[in-house]
């Protein structure tokens, strides 16, 4: 058994992506951010859907041609396949912990 809040790296210079389950056609990952954001140029555009749950912290996700979403602890959303998006902000002073399900 594991706990989603255990083993948080002390060095969060880089955003952390950890697979919990990676068995096609589903991937579940823990993402740990601390002041990280997507590159200012370009968008993420995935061939699959992604469901994200913000477990701790806060974040802002920008979408191309859709309203910006401000996430707080407990908020979740589905990012549709080919929906252009990027993380424009995560809380700089605490870890932002995401649970992401790619399907």
PDB file of N, CA and C in Angstrom:
ATOM      1  N   UNK A   1       0.845  -1.173   0.000  1.00  0.00           N
ATOM      2  CA  UNK A   1       0.000   0.000   0.000  1.00  0.00           C
ATOM      3  C   UNK A   1       0.890   1.235   0.000  1.00  0.00           C
ATOM      4  N   UNK A   2       0.412   2.278  -0.661  1.00  0.00           N
ATOM      5  CA  UNK A   2       1.149   3.539  -0.738  1.00  0.00           C
ATOM      6  C   UNK A   2       0.214   4.681  -0.378  1.00  0.00           C
ATOM      7  N   UNK A   3       0.806   5.851  -0.134  1.00  0.00           N
ATOM      8  CA  UNK A   3       0.041   7.048   0.173  1.00  0.00           C
ATOM      9  C   UNK A   3       0.465   8.144  -0.785  1.00  0.00           C
ATOM     10  N   UNK A   4      -0.486   8.816  -1.407  1.00  0.00           N
ATOM     11  CA  UNK A   4      -0.211   9.833  -2.429  1.00  0.00           C
ATOM     12  C   UNK A   4       0.619  10.995  -1.874  1.00  0.00           C
ATOM     13  N   UNK A   5       0.566  11.215  -0.558  1.00  0.00           N
ATOM     14  CA  UNK A   5       1.292  12.326   0.064  1.00  0.00           C
ATOM     15  C   UNK A   5       2.660  11.923   0.615  1.00  0.00           C
ATOM     16  N   UNK A   6       3.027  10.666   0.500  1.00  0.00           N
ATOM     17  CA  UNK A   6       4.339  10.203   0.978  1.00  0.00           C
ATOM     18  C   UNK A   6       5.413  10.444  -0.077  1.00  0.00           C
ATOM     19  N   UNK A   7       6.644  10.474   0.391  1.00  0.00           N
ATOM     20  CA  UNK A   7       7.830  10.542  -0.470  1.00  0.00           C
ATOM     21  C   UNK A   7       7.829  11.745  -1.415  1.00  0.00           C
ATOM     22  N   UNK A   8       7.461  12.903  -0.876  1.00  0.00           N
ATOM     23  CA  UNK A   8       7.545  14.139  -1.657  1.00  0.00           C
ATOM     24  C   UNK A   8       9.025  14.527  -1.697  1.00  0.00           C
ATOM     25  N   UNK A   9       9.610  14.679  -2.875  1.00  0.00           N
ATOM     26  CA  UNK A   9      11.031  15.034  -2.952  1.00  0.00           C
ATOM     27  C   UNK A   9      11.294  16.395  -2.291  1.00  0.00           C
ATOM     28  N   UNK A  10      12.417  16.513  -1.621  1.00  0.00           N
ATOM     29  CA  UNK A  10      12.771  17.803  -1.011  1.00  0.00           C
ATOM     30  C   UNK A  10      13.252  18.786  -2.067  1.00  0.00           C
ATOM     31  N   UNK A  11      13.845  18.292  -3.139  1.00  0.00           N
ATOM     32  CA  UNK A  11      14.311  19.148  -4.230  1.00  0.00           C
ATOM     33  C   UNK A  11      13.247  19.161  -5.325  1.00  0.00           C
ATOM     34  N   UNK A  12      12.535  20.272  -5.409  1.00  0.00           N
ATOM     35  CA  UNK A  12      11.514  20.419  -6.444  1.00  0.00           C
ATOM     36  C   UNK A  12      11.918  21.498  -7.445  1.00  0.00           C
ATOM     37  N   UNK A  13      13.207  21.490  -7.773  1.00  0.00           N
ATOM     38  CA  UNK A  13      13.702  22.400  -8.802  1.00  0.00           C
ATOM     39  C   UNK A  13      12.957  22.160 -10.109  1.00  0.00           C
ATOM     40  N   UNK A  14      12.662  20.888 -10.385  1.00  0.00           N
ATOM     41  CA  UNK A  14      11.922  20.502 -11.583  1.00  0.00           C
ATOM     42  C   UNK A  14      10.609  19.863 -11.161  1.00  0.00           C
ATOM     43  N   UNK A  15       9.596  20.054 -11.957  1.00  0.00           N
ATOM     44  CA  UNK A  15       8.308  19.415 -11.713  1.00  0.00           C
ATOM     45  C   UNK A  15       8.496  17.896 -11.761  1.00  0.00           C
ATOM     46  N   UNK A  16       7.756  17.176 -10.924  1.00  0.00           N
ATOM     47  CA  UNK A  16       7.899  15.725 -10.810  1.00  0.00           C
ATOM     48  C   UNK A  16       6.678  15.028 -11.404  1.00  0.00           C
ATOM     49  N   UNK A  17       6.917  14.063 -12.284  1.00  0.00           N
ATOM     50  CA  UNK A  17       5.871  13.239 -12.875  1.00  0.00           C
ATOM     51  C   UNK A  17       6.177  11.790 -12.507  1.00  0.00           C
ATOM     52  N   UNK A  18       5.264  11.146 -11.776  1.00  0.00           N
ATOM     53  CA  UNK A  18       5.479   9.760 -11.333  1.00  0.00           C
ATOM     54  C   UNK A  18       4.297   8.896 -11.747  1.00  0.00           C
ATOM     55  N   UNK A  19       4.569   7.846 -12.494  1.00  0.00           N
ATOM     56  CA  UNK A  19       3.514   6.905 -12.866  1.00  0.00           C
ATOM     57  C   UNK A  19       3.104   6.084 -11.656  1.00  0.00           C
ATOM     58  N   UNK A  20       1.815   6.024 -11.420  1.00  0.00           N
ATOM     59  CA  UNK A  20       1.263   5.130 -10.402  1.00  0.00           C
ATOM     60  C   UNK A  20       0.849   3.840 -11.090  1.00  0.00           C
ATOM     61  N   UNK A  21       0.145   3.998 -12.208  1.00  0.00           N
ATOM     62  CA  UNK A  21      -0.234   2.867 -13.064  1.00  0.00           C
ATOM     63  C   UNK A  21      -0.037   3.323 -14.503  1.00  0.00           C
ATOM     64  N   UNK A  22       0.645   2.523 -15.276  1.00  0.00           N
ATOM     65  CA  UNK A  22       0.827   2.825 -16.701  1.00  0.00           C
ATOM     66  C   UNK A  22       0.563   1.548 -17.477  1.00  0.00           C
ATOM     67  N   UNK A  23      -0.686   1.284 -17.710  1.00  0.00           N
ATOM     68  CA  UNK A  23      -1.098   0.064 -18.399  1.00  0.00           C
ATOM     69  C   UNK A  23      -2.135   0.466 -19.432  1.00  0.00           C
ATOM     70  N   UNK A  24      -1.733   0.449 -20.698  1.00  0.00           N
ATOM     71  CA  UNK A  24      -2.617   0.903 -21.771  1.00  0.00           C
ATOM     72  C   UNK A  24      -3.970   0.228 -21.669  1.00  0.00           C
ATOM     73  N   UNK A  25      -5.039   0.973 -21.846  1.00  0.00           N
ATOM     74  CA  UNK A  25      -5.117   2.338 -22.364  1.00  0.00           C
ATOM     75  C   UNK A  25      -5.198   3.414 -21.275  1.00  0.00           C
ATOM     76  N   UNK A  26      -4.810   3.094 -20.037  1.00  0.00           N
ATOM     77  CA  UNK A  26      -4.916   4.061 -18.939  1.00  0.00           C
ATOM     78  C   UNK A  26      -3.557   4.302 -18.312  1.00  0.00           C
ATOM     79  N   UNK A  27      -3.302   5.563 -17.982  1.00  0.00           N
ATOM     80  CA  UNK A  27      -2.122   5.920 -17.195  1.00  0.00           C
ATOM     81  C   UNK A  27      -2.595   6.831 -16.070  1.00  0.00           C
ATOM     82  N   UNK A  28      -2.184   6.510 -14.854  1.00  0.00           N
ATOM     83  CA  UNK A  28      -2.480   7.340 -13.687  1.00  0.00           C
ATOM     84  C   UNK A  28      -1.151   7.821 -13.142  1.00  0.00           C
ATOM     85  N   UNK A  29      -1.043   9.138 -12.949  1.00  0.00           N
ATOM     86  CA  UNK A  29       0.222   9.672 -12.464  1.00  0.00           C
ATOM     87  C   UNK A  29       0.003  10.714 -11.375  1.00  0.00           C
ATOM     88  N   UNK A  30       1.028  10.822 -10.530  1.00  0.00           N
ATOM     89  CA  UNK A  30       1.097  11.890  -9.544  1.00  0.00           C
ATOM     90  C   UNK A  30       2.034  12.940 -10.111  1.00  0.00           C
ATOM     91  N   UNK A  31       1.588  14.185 -10.081  1.00  0.00           N
ATOM     92  CA  UNK A  31       2.409  15.301 -10.529  1.00  0.00           C
ATOM     93  C   UNK A  31       2.608  16.224  -9.332  1.00  0.00           C
ATOM     94  N   UNK A  32       3.847  16.637  -9.122  1.00  0.00           N
ATOM     95  CA  UNK A  32       4.150  17.559  -8.025  1.00  0.00           C
ATOM     96  C   UNK A  32       4.777  18.809  -8.615  1.00  0.00           C
ATOM     97  N   UNK A  33       4.123  19.935  -8.376  1.00  0.00           N
ATOM     98  CA  UNK A  33       4.579  21.229  -8.877  1.00  0.00           C
ATOM     99  C   UNK A  33       4.830  22.140  -7.672  1.00  0.00           C
ATOM    100  N   UNK A  34       5.722  23.074  -7.837  1.00  0.00           N
ATOM    101  CA  UNK A  34       5.943  24.097  -6.803  1.00  0.00           C
ATOM    102  C   UNK A  34       6.420  25.349  -7.518  1.00  0.00           C
ATOM    103  N   UNK A  35       5.456  26.157  -7.959  1.00  0.00           N
ATOM    104  CA  UNK A  35       5.783  27.347  -8.715  1.00  0.00           C
ATOM    105  C   UNK A  35       6.069  27.069 -10.180  1.00  0.00           C
ATOM    106  N   UNK A  36       5.841  25.849 -10.633  1.00  0.00           N
ATOM    107  CA  UNK A  36       6.107  25.494 -12.028  1.00  0.00           C
ATOM    108  C   UNK A  36       4.933  25.889 -12.918  1.00  0.00           C
ATOM    109  N   UNK A  37       5.238  26.089 -14.184  1.00  0.00           N
ATOM    110  CA  UNK A  37       4.214  26.364 -15.180  1.00  0.00           C
ATOM    111  C   UNK A  37       4.704  25.829 -16.524  1.00  0.00           C
ATOM    112  N   UNK A  38       3.789  25.760 -17.461  1.00  0.00           N
ATOM    113  CA  UNK A  38       4.148  25.337 -18.817  1.00  0.00           C
ATOM    114  C   UNK A  38       4.983  26.427 -19.479  1.00  0.00           C
ATOM    115  N   UNK A  39       5.757  26.070 -20.493  1.00  0.00           N
ATOM    116  CA  UNK A  39       6.486  27.106 -21.238  1.00  0.00           C
ATOM    117  C   UNK A  39       5.514  28.169 -21.755  1.00  0.00           C
ATOM    118  N   UNK A  40       5.965  29.415 -21.799  1.00  0.00           N
ATOM    119  CA  UNK A  40       5.070  30.509 -22.204  1.00  0.00           C
ATOM    120  C   UNK A  40       4.631  30.402 -23.657  1.00  0.00           C
ATOM    121  N   UNK A  41       5.458  29.797 -24.498  1.00  0.00           N
ATOM    122  CA  UNK A  41       5.064  29.626 -25.897  1.00  0.00           C
ATOM    123  C   UNK A  41       4.589  28.194 -26.118  1.00  0.00           C
ATOM    124  N   UNK A  42       3.603  28.048 -26.952  1.00  0.00           N
ATOM    125  CA  UNK A  42       3.102  26.716 -27.283  1.00  0.00           C
ATOM    126  C   UNK A  42       2.033  26.233 -26.324  1.00  0.00           C
ATOM    127  N   UNK A  43       1.401  25.143 -26.710  1.00  0.00           N
ATOM    128  CA  UNK A  43       0.309  24.542 -25.945  1.00  0.00           C
ATOM    129  C   UNK A  43       0.539  23.042 -25.820  1.00  0.00           C
ATOM    130  N   UNK A  44       0.000  22.445 -24.742  1.00  0.00           N
ATOM    131  CA  UNK A  44      -0.091  20.990 -24.663  1.00  0.00           C
ATOM    132  C   UNK A  44      -1.318  20.602 -25.484  1.00  0.00           C
ATOM    133  N   UNK A  45      -1.170  19.590 -26.294  1.00  0.00           N
ATOM    134  CA  UNK A  45      -2.305  19.063 -27.060  1.00  0.00           C
ATOM    135  C   UNK A  45      -2.112  17.556 -27.144  1.00  0.00           C
ATOM    136  N   UNK A  46      -2.951  16.822 -26.443  1.00  0.00           N
ATOM    137  CA  UNK A  46      -2.789  15.383 -26.299  1.00  0.00           C
ATOM    138  C   UNK A  46      -3.807  14.636 -27.144  1.00  0.00           C
ATOM    139  N   UNK A  47      -3.443  13.449 -27.577  1.00  0.00           N
ATOM    140  CA  UNK A  47      -4.336  12.617 -28.383  1.00  0.00           C
ATOM    141  C   UNK A  47      -5.359  11.879 -27.518  1.00  0.00           C
ATOM    142  N   UNK A  48      -5.228  11.978 -26.206  1.00  0.00           N
ATOM    143  CA  UNK A  48      -6.129  11.270 -25.291  1.00  0.00           C
ATOM    144  C   UNK A  48      -6.768  12.272 -24.328  1.00  0.00           C
ATOM    145  N   UNK A  49      -7.774  11.816 -23.615  1.00  0.00           N
ATOM    146  CA  UNK A  49      -8.396  12.642 -22.580  1.00  0.00           C
ATOM    147  C   UNK A  49      -7.563  12.560 -21.309  1.00  0.00           C
ATOM    148  N   UNK A  50      -7.675  13.598 -20.488  1.00  0.00           N
ATOM    149  CA  UNK A  50      -6.983  13.617 -19.202  1.00  0.00           C
ATOM    150  C   UNK A  50      -7.928  14.171 -18.147  1.00  0.00           C
ATOM    151  N   UNK A  51      -8.079  13.432 -17.066  1.00  0.00           N
ATOM    152  CA  UNK A  51      -8.857  13.883 -15.914  1.00  0.00           C
ATOM    153  C   UNK A  51      -7.865  14.231 -14.829  1.00  0.00           C
ATOM    154  N   UNK A  52      -7.955  15.448 -14.286  1.00  0.00           N
ATOM    155  CA  UNK A  52      -7.029  15.865 -13.235  1.00  0.00           C
ATOM    156  C   UNK A  52      -7.793  16.264 -11.989  1.00  0.00           C
ATOM    157  N   UNK A  53      -7.223  15.884 -10.841  1.00  0.00           N
ATOM    158  CA  UNK A  53      -7.754  16.224  -9.525  1.00  0.00           C
ATOM    159  C   UNK A  53      -6.643  16.933  -8.777  1.00  0.00           C
ATOM    160  N   UNK A  54      -6.917  18.125  -8.278  1.00  0.00           N
ATOM    161  CA  UNK A  54      -5.927  18.861  -7.501  1.00  0.00           C
ATOM    162  C   UNK A  54      -6.103  18.466  -6.037  1.00  0.00           C
ATOM    163  N   UNK A  55      -5.138  17.725  -5.506  1.00  0.00           N
ATOM    164  CA  UNK A  55      -5.220  17.217  -4.142  1.00  0.00           C
ATOM    165  C   UNK A  55      -4.725  18.229  -3.109  1.00  0.00           C
ATOM    166  N   UNK A  56      -3.717  19.014  -3.489  1.00  0.00           N
ATOM    167  CA  UNK A  56      -3.110  19.975  -2.566  1.00  0.00           C
ATOM    168  C   UNK A  56      -2.574  21.138  -3.381  1.00  0.00           C
ATOM    169  N   UNK A  57      -2.639  22.340  -2.829  1.00  0.00           N
ATOM    170  CA  UNK A  57      -2.080  23.505  -3.499  1.00  0.00           C
ATOM    171  C   UNK A  57      -3.112  24.244  -4.323  1.00  0.00           C
ATOM    172  N   UNK A  58      -2.637  24.931  -5.343  1.00  0.00           N
ATOM    173  CA  UNK A  58      -3.509  25.714  -6.226  1.00  0.00           C
ATOM    174  C   UNK A  58      -2.838  25.833  -7.589  1.00  0.00           C
ATOM    175  N   UNK A  59      -3.658  26.017  -8.627  1.00  0.00           N
ATOM    176  CA  UNK A  59      -3.121  26.100  -9.986  1.00  0.00           C
ATOM    177  C   UNK A  59      -4.088  26.856 -10.884  1.00  0.00           C
ATOM    178  N   UNK A  60      -3.553  27.326 -11.985  1.00  0.00           N
ATOM    179  CA  UNK A  60      -4.361  27.962 -13.030  1.00  0.00           C
ATOM    180  C   UNK A  60      -4.025  27.273 -14.349  1.00  0.00           C
ATOM    181  N   UNK A  61      -5.068  26.864 -15.071  1.00  0.00           N
ATOM    182  CA  UNK A  61      -4.894  26.259 -16.386  1.00  0.00           C
ATOM    183  C   UNK A  61      -5.553  27.174 -17.420  1.00  0.00           C
ATOM    184  N   UNK A  62      -4.788  27.536 -18.432  1.00  0.00           N
ATOM    185  CA  UNK A  62      -5.301  28.318 -19.553  1.00  0.00           C
ATOM    186  C   UNK A  62      -5.672  27.365 -20.681  1.00  0.00           C
ATOM    187  N   UNK A  63      -6.745  27.711 -21.381  1.00  0.00           N
ATOM    188  CA  UNK A  63      -7.195  26.938 -22.536  1.00  0.00           C
ATOM    189  C   UNK A  63      -7.248  27.851 -23.752  1.00  0.00           C
ATOM    190  N   UNK A  64      -6.956  27.296 -24.904  1.00  0.00           N
ATOM    191  CA  UNK A  64      -7.077  28.028 -26.149  1.00  0.00           C
ATOM    192  C   UNK A  64      -8.560  28.120 -26.506  1.00  0.00           C
ATOM    193  N   UNK A  65      -9.083  29.323 -26.612  1.00  0.00           N
ATOM    194  CA  UNK A  65     -10.475  29.586 -26.988  1.00  0.00           C
ATOM    195  C   UNK A  65     -11.489  29.131 -25.942  1.00  0.00           C
ATOM    196  N   UNK A  66     -11.071  29.027 -24.677  1.00  0.00           N
ATOM    197  CA  UNK A  66     -11.998  28.700 -23.592  1.00  0.00           C
ATOM    198  C   UNK A  66     -11.553  29.455 -22.345  1.00  0.00           C
ATOM    199  N   UNK A  67     -12.450  29.612 -21.370  1.00  0.00           N
ATOM    200  CA  UNK A  67     -12.086  30.354 -20.165  1.00  0.00           C
ATOM    201  C   UNK A  67     -10.961  29.686 -19.368  1.00  0.00           C
ATOM    202  N   UNK A  68     -10.181  30.513 -18.700  1.00  0.00           N
ATOM    203  CA  UNK A  68      -9.144  30.054 -17.781  1.00  0.00           C
ATOM    204  C   UNK A  68      -9.817  29.411 -16.570  1.00  0.00           C
ATOM    205  N   UNK A  69      -9.180  28.371 -16.024  1.00  0.00           N
ATOM    206  CA  UNK A  69      -9.721  27.654 -14.874  1.00  0.00           C
ATOM    207  C   UNK A  69      -8.764  27.822 -13.692  1.00  0.00           C
ATOM    208  N   UNK A  70      -9.301  28.266 -12.551  1.00  0.00           N
ATOM    209  CA  UNK A  70      -8.545  28.391 -11.309  1.00  0.00           C
ATOM    210  C   UNK A  70      -8.903  27.184 -10.444  1.00  0.00           C
ATOM    211  N   UNK A  71      -7.904  26.369 -10.117  1.00  0.00           N
ATOM    212  CA  UNK A  71      -8.137  25.153  -9.335  1.00  0.00           C
ATOM    213  C   UNK A  71      -7.662  25.332  -7.901  1.00  0.00           C
ATOM    214  N   UNK A  72      -8.485  24.872  -6.973  1.00  0.00           N
ATOM    215  CA  UNK A  72      -8.104  24.817  -5.567  1.00  0.00           C
ATOM    216  C   UNK A  72      -8.222  23.362  -5.116  1.00  0.00           C
ATOM    217  N   UNK A  73      -7.773  23.081  -3.919  1.00  0.00           N
ATOM    218  CA  UNK A  73      -7.793  21.706  -3.424  1.00  0.00           C
ATOM    219  C   UNK A  73      -9.179  21.085  -3.566  1.00  0.00           C
ATOM    220  N   UNK A  74      -9.218  19.899  -4.152  1.00  0.00           N
ATOM    221  CA  UNK A  74     -10.460  19.165  -4.341  1.00  0.00           C
ATOM    222  C   UNK A  74     -11.104  19.373  -5.693  1.00  0.00           C
ATOM    223  N   UNK A  75     -10.663  20.374  -6.450  1.00  0.00           N
ATOM    224  CA  UNK A  75     -11.241  20.621  -7.771  1.00  0.00           C
ATOM    225  C   UNK A  75     -10.715  19.603  -8.784  1.00  0.00           C
ATOM    226  N   UNK A  76     -11.573  19.222  -9.718  1.00  0.00           N
ATOM    227  CA  UNK A  76     -11.160  18.323 -10.792  1.00  0.00           C
ATOM    228  C   UNK A  76     -11.833  18.726 -12.089  1.00  0.00           C
ATOM    229  N   UNK A  77     -11.230  18.301 -13.191  1.00  0.00           N
ATOM    230  CA  UNK A  77     -11.792  18.590 -14.505  1.00  0.00           C
ATOM    231  C   UNK A  77     -11.266  17.588 -15.512  1.00  0.00           C
ATOM    232  N   UNK A  78     -11.975  17.510 -16.638  1.00  0.00           N
ATOM    233  CA  UNK A  78     -11.556  16.669 -17.750  1.00  0.00           C
ATOM    234  C   UNK A  78     -11.054  17.566 -18.870  1.00  0.00           C
ATOM    235  N   UNK A  79      -9.881  17.253 -19.375  1.00  0.00           N
ATOM    236  CA  UNK A  79      -9.312  17.943 -20.524  1.00  0.00           C
ATOM    237  C   UNK A  79      -9.509  17.011 -21.716  1.00  0.00           C
ATOM    238  N   UNK A  80     -10.303  17.456 -22.656  1.00  0.00           N
ATOM    239  CA  UNK A  80     -10.624  16.610 -23.805  1.00  0.00           C
ATOM    240  C   UNK A  80      -9.422  16.412 -24.719  1.00  0.00           C
ATOM    241  N   UNK A  81      -9.444  15.332 -25.466  1.00  0.00           N
ATOM    242  CA  UNK A  81      -8.390  15.071 -26.446  1.00  0.00           C
ATOM    243  C   UNK A  81      -8.295  16.255 -27.408  1.00  0.00           C
ATOM    244  N   UNK A  82      -7.078  16.640 -27.723  1.00  0.00           N
ATOM    245  CA  UNK A  82      -6.763  17.726 -28.659  1.00  0.00           C
ATOM    246  C   UNK A  82      -7.188  19.114 -28.167  1.00  0.00           C
ATOM    247  N   UNK A  83      -7.577  19.231 -26.899  1.00  0.00           N
ATOM    248  CA  UNK A  83      -7.909  20.536 -26.336  1.00  0.00           C
ATOM    249  C   UNK A  83      -6.600  21.222 -25.916  1.00  0.00           C
ATOM    250  N   UNK A  84      -6.269  22.312 -26.560  1.00  0.00           N
ATOM    251  CA  UNK A  84      -5.015  23.012 -26.264  1.00  0.00           C
ATOM    252  C   UNK A  84      -5.114  23.669 -24.895  1.00  0.00           C
ATOM    253  N   UNK A  85      -4.088  23.401 -24.064  1.00  0.00           N
ATOM    254  CA  UNK A  85      -4.080  23.906 -22.694  1.00  0.00           C
ATOM    255  C   UNK A  85      -2.652  24.062 -22.197  1.00  0.00           C
ATOM    256  N   UNK A  86      -2.503  24.806 -21.106  1.00  0.00           N
ATOM    257  CA  UNK A  86      -1.212  24.900 -20.429  1.00  0.00           C
ATOM    258  C   UNK A  86      -1.438  25.367 -18.998  1.00  0.00           C
ATOM    259  N   UNK A  87      -0.550  24.954 -18.122  1.00  0.00           N
ATOM    260  CA  UNK A  87      -0.585  25.399 -16.733  1.00  0.00           C
ATOM    261  C   UNK A  87       0.150  26.730 -16.684  1.00  0.00           C
ATOM    262  N   UNK A  88      -0.567  27.788 -16.343  1.00  0.00           N
ATOM    263  CA  UNK A  88       0.057  29.112 -16.335  1.00  0.00           C
ATOM    264  C   UNK A  88       0.591  29.496 -14.955  1.00  0.00           C
ATOM    265  N   UNK A  89       0.182  28.758 -13.880  1.00  0.00           N
ATOM    266  CA  UNK A  89       0.646  29.100 -12.529  1.00  0.00           C
ATOM    267  C   UNK A  89       0.364  27.942 -11.597  1.00  0.00           C
ATOM    268  N   UNK A  90       1.298  27.683 -10.683  1.00  0.00           N
ATOM    269  CA  UNK A  90       1.047  26.829  -9.522  1.00  0.00           C
ATOM    270  C   UNK A  90       1.595  27.552  -8.306  1.00  0.00           C
ATOM    271  N   UNK A  91       1.041  27.252  -7.157  1.00  0.00           N
ATOM    272  CA  UNK A  91       1.425  27.921  -5.908  1.00  0.00           C
ATOM    273  C   UNK A  91       2.938  27.840  -5.722  1.00  0.00           C
ATOM    274  N   UNK A  92       3.598  28.969  -5.462  1.00  0.00           N
ATOM    275  CA  UNK A  92       5.057  28.964  -5.378  1.00  0.00           C
ATOM    276  C   UNK A  92       5.629  28.531  -4.027  1.00  0.00           C
ATOM    277  N   UNK A  93       4.838  28.598  -2.962  1.00  0.00           N
ATOM    278  CA  UNK A  93       5.383  28.349  -1.624  1.00  0.00           C
ATOM    279  C   UNK A  93       5.007  27.002  -1.031  1.00  0.00           C
ATOM    280  N   UNK A  94       4.133  26.269  -1.708  1.00  0.00           N
ATOM    281  CA  UNK A  94       3.752  24.934  -1.238  1.00  0.00           C
ATOM    282  C   UNK A  94       3.695  23.991  -2.436  1.00  0.00           C
ATOM    283  N   UNK A  95       3.768  22.713  -2.157  1.00  0.00           N
ATOM    284  CA  UNK A  95       3.647  21.731  -3.229  1.00  0.00           C
ATOM    285  C   UNK A  95       2.212  21.717  -3.746  1.00  0.00           C
ATOM    286  N   UNK A  96       2.069  21.667  -5.041  1.00  0.00           N
ATOM    287  CA  UNK A  96       0.778  21.417  -5.665  1.00  0.00           C
ATOM    288  C   UNK A  96       0.818  19.970  -6.141  1.00  0.00           C
ATOM    289  N   UNK A  97      -0.084  19.169  -5.606  1.00  0.00           N
ATOM    290  CA  UNK A  97      -0.090  17.744  -5.914  1.00  0.00           C
ATOM    291  C   UNK A  97      -1.331  17.426  -6.744  1.00  0.00           C
ATOM    292  N   UNK A  98      -1.088  16.869  -7.916  1.00  0.00           N
ATOM    293  CA  UNK A  98      -2.140  16.509  -8.861  1.00  0.00           C
ATOM    294  C   UNK A  98      -2.237  14.995  -8.966  1.00  0.00           C
ATOM    295  N   UNK A  99      -3.431  14.500  -9.219  1.00  0.00           N
ATOM    296  CA  UNK A  99      -3.632  13.134  -9.644  1.00  0.00           C
ATOM    297  C   UNK A  99      -4.195  13.238 -11.050  1.00  0.00           C
ATOM    298  N   UNK A 100      -3.485  12.681 -12.021  1.00  0.00           N
ATOM    299  CA  UNK A 100      -3.888  12.774 -13.426  1.00  0.00           C
ATOM    300  C   UNK A 100      -4.169  11.378 -13.963  1.00  0.00           C
ATOM    301  N   UNK A 101      -5.312  11.248 -14.617  1.00  0.00           N
ATOM    302  CA  UNK A 101      -5.704   9.982 -15.237  1.00  0.00           C
ATOM    303  C   UNK A 101      -5.809  10.242 -16.740  1.00  0.00           C
ATOM    304  N   UNK A 102      -4.962   9.566 -17.501  1.00  0.00           N
ATOM    305  CA  UNK A 102      -4.962   9.680 -18.960  1.00  0.00           C
ATOM    306  C   UNK A 102      -5.700   8.469 -19.519  1.00  0.00           C
ATOM    307  N   UNK A 103      -6.680   8.729 -20.378  1.00  0.00           N
ATOM    308  CA  UNK A 103      -7.475   7.628 -20.934  1.00  0.00           C
ATOM    309  C   UNK A 103      -7.928   7.927 -22.335  1.00  0.00           C
TER     310      UNK A 103
END
